[in-house]
Structures are given as structure tokens and as C-alpha cells.
Amino acid sequence: MGKKQHLDWTAKSISSTGSERVSLLSKQGKRKASAEDHSDDAPASDLEHGAGEAANVGFGRVLSLAKPDAGKLVIGTIALLISSTSSLLIPKFGGIIIDVVSRDVTTPEQQAEALDAVKNTILEIFLIVVIGYVTALFSTFLV
């Protein structure tokens, strides 16, 4: 045959012809079953081919794995909540600007009052956007 008998598993997977599938869970590659080919380091089941059962991956297991980083996850979730809330507030303040601009203004005092209201609302929108972006950055960093 000319091929070396002891190829590593990556070389076997690369040189596979396509008719023979190479298991991702087995480092030895898929070989024909025989009495002398069984090794102790082979997995008990091959999930890739539908044999065997999946490991316990319930929500309780996810929580137990996340327990060491629970503080970071809680703070990151709160920051994400603040960031999302700030994104929802921007259209509300845009509506306030539209309401101020569209009302009847007849006297110079009302014009000055409307201009101050628009300036304050624009400042509030700017602060909301900055707070939203900072908390989104912080949330992304933590999570």
C-alpha cells in the first residue's frame, strides 16, 4: 500500500477519501472494528453518528458552571438593562422636541422658553446616549 501504518489522527482525517467518515470525538479516527483495534482512550459513545446519549447539559449545570463568574454576569446584565433602556428612551425625548417645536409660540418669552426646552432635551438625549454606550461597552466587556 505504501502508506505508513502510524499516521496521526489529523493526517488520517485529511487523507480520508470521503467514503469513510472520521469521528471528531475520537483522536484515532474511525477504524474498522476488530478485537485488536479497541483502545482504552476511545470515547464510549459517538454523538456525531447518533450513538449514545449527550452529557447532562441542563440549566442547572449551566448555572453551576457560571457560579464562579456570577458577580460579573449580574453586573453585566444590569449594565445591559441600562443600555437597552437608554435606547428605548431616545425616541421619547425626540417626541418631546417635536411637541415643543410644534406648539404655538407668539411672544418672545414663549420663544425663549421653547428654545431652552429644546436645548435641555437635546442635552438629556446626549447624556442618555453616552450613558447607554458606556454601559453597553461595560456589559460587553464583562460578559
Protein backbone atom coordinates (compact mmCIF):
# COMPACT_ATOMS: atom_id res chain seq x y z
CA MET A 1 0.00 0.00 0.00
CA GLY A 2 2.90 2.35 0.52
CA LYS A 3 1.28 4.40 3.33
CA LYS A 4 2.75 4.48 6.78
CA GLN A 5 0.81 2.48 9.32
CA HIS A 6 1.13 5.01 12.12
CA LEU A 7 -0.42 8.26 10.87
CA ASP A 8 -1.66 10.71 13.44
CA TRP A 9 -5.41 11.44 13.56
CA THR A 10 -5.17 14.75 11.68
CA ALA A 11 -3.35 13.15 8.80
CA LYS A 12 -5.98 10.41 8.69
CA SER A 13 -8.78 12.93 8.63
CA ILE A 14 -7.09 14.91 5.85
CA SER A 15 -6.34 11.81 3.78
CA SER A 16 -9.86 10.44 4.21
CA THR A 17 -11.46 9.66 0.86
CA GLY A 18 -14.93 10.86 1.83
CA SER A 19 -16.48 7.40 1.90
CA GLU A 20 -15.04 6.90 5.36
CA ARG A 21 -16.10 9.46 7.97
CA VAL A 22 -13.63 10.44 10.65
CA SER A 23 -15.08 10.95 14.09
CA LEU A 24 -14.41 14.28 15.74
CA LEU A 25 -14.61 12.71 19.19
CA SER A 26 -12.02 10.02 18.58
CA LYS A 27 -8.39 11.04 18.25
CA GLN A 28 -7.60 7.81 16.45
CA GLY A 29 -10.04 8.39 13.61
CA LYS A 30 -12.70 5.94 12.56
CA ARG A 31 -11.26 2.49 12.04
CA LYS A 32 -12.80 -0.83 11.21
CA ALA A 33 -13.76 -2.61 14.40
CA SER A 34 -11.67 -5.61 15.29
CA ALA A 35 -10.61 -7.28 18.50
CA GLU A 36 -7.10 -5.75 18.50
CA ASP A 37 -8.17 -2.22 17.48
CA HIS A 38 -10.07 -1.35 20.68
CA SER A 39 -8.20 1.22 22.75
CA ASP A 40 -8.86 2.49 26.25
CA ASP A 41 -8.85 6.18 25.27
CA ALA A 42 -11.68 5.85 22.71
CA PRO A 43 -14.94 7.53 23.79
CA ALA A 44 -17.80 5.35 25.00
CA SER A 45 -20.23 6.88 22.50
CA ASP A 46 -20.02 8.84 19.30
CA LEU A 47 -22.55 11.68 19.28
CA GLU A 48 -21.58 12.66 15.77
CA HIS A 49 -23.09 9.46 14.39
CA GLY A 50 -26.10 9.42 16.74
CA ALA A 51 -24.81 6.72 19.05
CA GLY A 52 -25.01 7.21 22.79
CA GLU A 53 -26.50 9.98 24.87
CA ALA A 54 -25.47 13.58 25.45
CA ALA A 55 -23.93 14.56 28.75
CA ASN A 56 -26.01 16.33 31.40
CA VAL A 57 -26.32 19.82 29.93
CA GLY A 58 -29.40 21.07 31.78
CA PHE A 59 -29.92 24.61 33.01
CA GLY A 60 -28.72 23.64 36.50
CA ARG A 61 -25.39 22.54 35.05
CA VAL A 62 -25.05 25.83 33.17
CA LEU A 63 -25.68 27.73 36.41
CA SER A 64 -23.16 25.62 38.30
CA LEU A 65 -20.53 26.30 35.63
CA ALA A 66 -21.30 30.03 35.72
CA LYS A 67 -21.15 30.24 39.53
CA PRO A 68 -17.52 31.46 39.73
CA ASP A 69 -18.37 34.38 37.42
CA ALA A 70 -21.81 35.12 38.87
CA GLY A 71 -20.89 38.62 40.07
CA LYS A 72 -19.58 39.66 36.67
CA LEU A 73 -22.63 38.20 34.95
CA VAL A 74 -25.07 40.00 37.26
CA ILE A 75 -23.29 43.36 36.85
CA GLY A 76 -23.04 42.81 33.08
CA THR A 77 -26.76 42.01 32.90
CA ILE A 78 -27.67 45.15 34.85
CA ALA A 79 -25.44 47.22 32.54
CA LEU A 80 -27.14 45.63 29.54
CA LEU A 81 -30.55 46.50 31.02
CA ILE A 82 -29.49 50.15 31.47
CA SER A 83 -28.11 50.25 27.92
CA SER A 84 -31.33 48.82 26.47
CA THR A 85 -33.44 51.24 28.49
CA SER A 86 -31.41 54.18 27.21
CA SER A 87 -32.01 53.02 23.64
CA LEU A 88 -35.74 52.98 24.33
CA LEU A 89 -35.71 56.49 25.84
CA ILE A 90 -34.24 58.27 22.80
CA PRO A 91 -37.48 58.26 20.74
CA LYS A 92 -39.42 59.52 23.77
CA PHE A 93 -37.19 62.57 24.07
CA GLY A 94 -37.32 63.07 20.30
CA GLY A 95 -41.10 63.26 20.67
CA ILE A 96 -40.69 65.90 23.39
CA ILE A 97 -38.63 68.04 20.99
CA ILE A 98 -41.31 67.65 18.32
CA ASP A 99 -44.02 68.67 20.82
CA VAL A 100 -42.08 71.78 21.88
CA VAL A 101 -41.35 72.87 18.32
CA SER A 102 -44.87 72.27 17.03
CA ARG A 103 -46.77 74.28 19.67
CA ASP A 104 -47.90 77.84 19.04
CA VAL A 105 -45.34 80.41 20.09
CA THR A 106 -46.46 84.02 19.93
CA THR A 107 -44.42 86.03 22.41
CA PRO A 108 -40.63 86.36 22.74
CA GLU A 109 -40.85 84.89 26.26
CA GLN A 110 -42.51 81.73 24.87
CA GLN A 111 -39.84 81.54 22.15
CA ALA A 112 -37.06 81.74 24.74
CA GLU A 113 -38.83 79.16 26.90
CA ALA A 114 -39.27 76.81 23.92
CA LEU A 115 -35.62 77.25 22.90
CA ASP A 116 -34.47 76.44 26.45
CA ALA A 117 -36.73 73.37 26.50
CA VAL A 118 -35.25 72.13 23.20
CA LYS A 119 -31.68 72.75 24.40
CA ASN A 120 -32.34 70.89 27.67
CA THR A 121 -33.95 67.98 25.83
CA ILE A 122 -31.03 67.73 23.40
CA LEU A 123 -28.64 67.71 26.38
CA GLU A 124 -30.70 64.96 28.02
CA ILE A 125 -30.62 62.91 24.80
CA PHE A 126 -26.85 63.36 24.61
CA LEU A 127 -26.42 62.17 28.21
CA ILE A 128 -28.72 59.20 27.62
CA VAL A 129 -26.75 58.18 24.53
CA VAL A 130 -23.41 58.49 26.34
CA ILE A 131 -24.67 56.51 29.36
CA GLY A 132 -26.12 53.88 27.00
CA TYR A 133 -22.88 53.46 25.08
CA VAL A 134 -20.74 53.31 28.22
CA THR A 135 -22.99 50.70 29.83
CA ALA A 136 -23.11 48.69 26.58
CA LEU A 137 -19.30 48.73 26.46
CA PHE A 138 -19.09 47.74 30.12
CA SER A 139 -21.65 44.96 29.64
CA THR A 140 -19.81 43.61 26.60
CA PHE A 141 -16.52 43.72 28.48
CA LEU A 142 -17.91 41.82 31.47
CA VAL A 143 -19.92 39.23 29.61
